Protein backbone atom coordinates (compact mmCIF):
# COMPACT_ATOMS: atom_id res chain seq x y z
CA UNK A 1 0.00 0.00 0.00
CA UNK A 2 2.73 2.42 0.96
CA UNK A 3 4.77 1.56 -2.13
CA UNK A 4 1.77 2.29 -4.36
CA UNK A 5 1.25 5.65 -2.66
CA UNK A 6 4.94 6.47 -3.04
CA UNK A 7 4.77 5.53 -6.72
CA UNK A 8 1.83 7.89 -7.29
CA UNK A 9 3.49 10.76 -5.43
CA UNK A 10 6.83 10.34 -7.19
CA UNK A 11 5.09 10.11 -10.56
CA UNK A 12 3.13 13.29 -9.87
CA UNK A 13 6.34 15.07 -8.90
CA UNK A 14 8.00 13.89 -12.11
CA UNK A 15 5.02 14.99 -14.18
CA UNK A 16 5.05 18.40 -12.50
CA UNK A 17 8.77 18.76 -13.17
CA UNK A 18 8.28 17.97 -16.86
CA UNK A 19 5.08 19.61 -18.09
CA UNK A 20 2.44 19.41 -15.32
CA UNK A 21 0.50 16.55 -16.91
CA UNK A 22 -3.31 16.83 -16.59
CA UNK A 23 -3.62 13.21 -15.42
CA UNK A 24 -1.53 12.16 -12.41
CA UNK A 25 -1.47 8.48 -13.44
CA UNK A 26 -0.93 9.09 -17.13
CA UNK A 27 1.59 6.75 -18.78
CA UNK A 28 4.82 8.63 -19.43
CA UNK A 29 5.65 6.45 -22.43
CA UNK A 30 2.51 7.48 -24.34
CA UNK A 31 1.72 11.20 -23.93
CA UNK A 32 -0.37 11.18 -27.10
CA UNK A 33 -2.82 8.82 -25.38
CA UNK A 34 -3.13 11.38 -22.59
CA UNK A 35 -3.71 14.35 -24.89
CA UNK A 36 -6.27 12.55 -27.06
CA UNK A 37 -9.39 13.20 -24.90
CA UNK A 38 -8.41 16.85 -24.48
CA UNK A 39 -7.85 17.29 -28.20
CA UNK A 40 -11.32 15.85 -28.87
CA UNK A 41 -12.84 18.15 -26.25
CA UNK A 42 -11.04 21.24 -27.54
């Protein structure tokens, strides 16, 4: 449980350091999959 929480927190910190990703659990390897819903909504 603690390791999962640490993984989420560290990932959110990494996302903030890079580009402030809109989804905290977004896969880093596929940013286009993350941007797809927002591109459709825009």
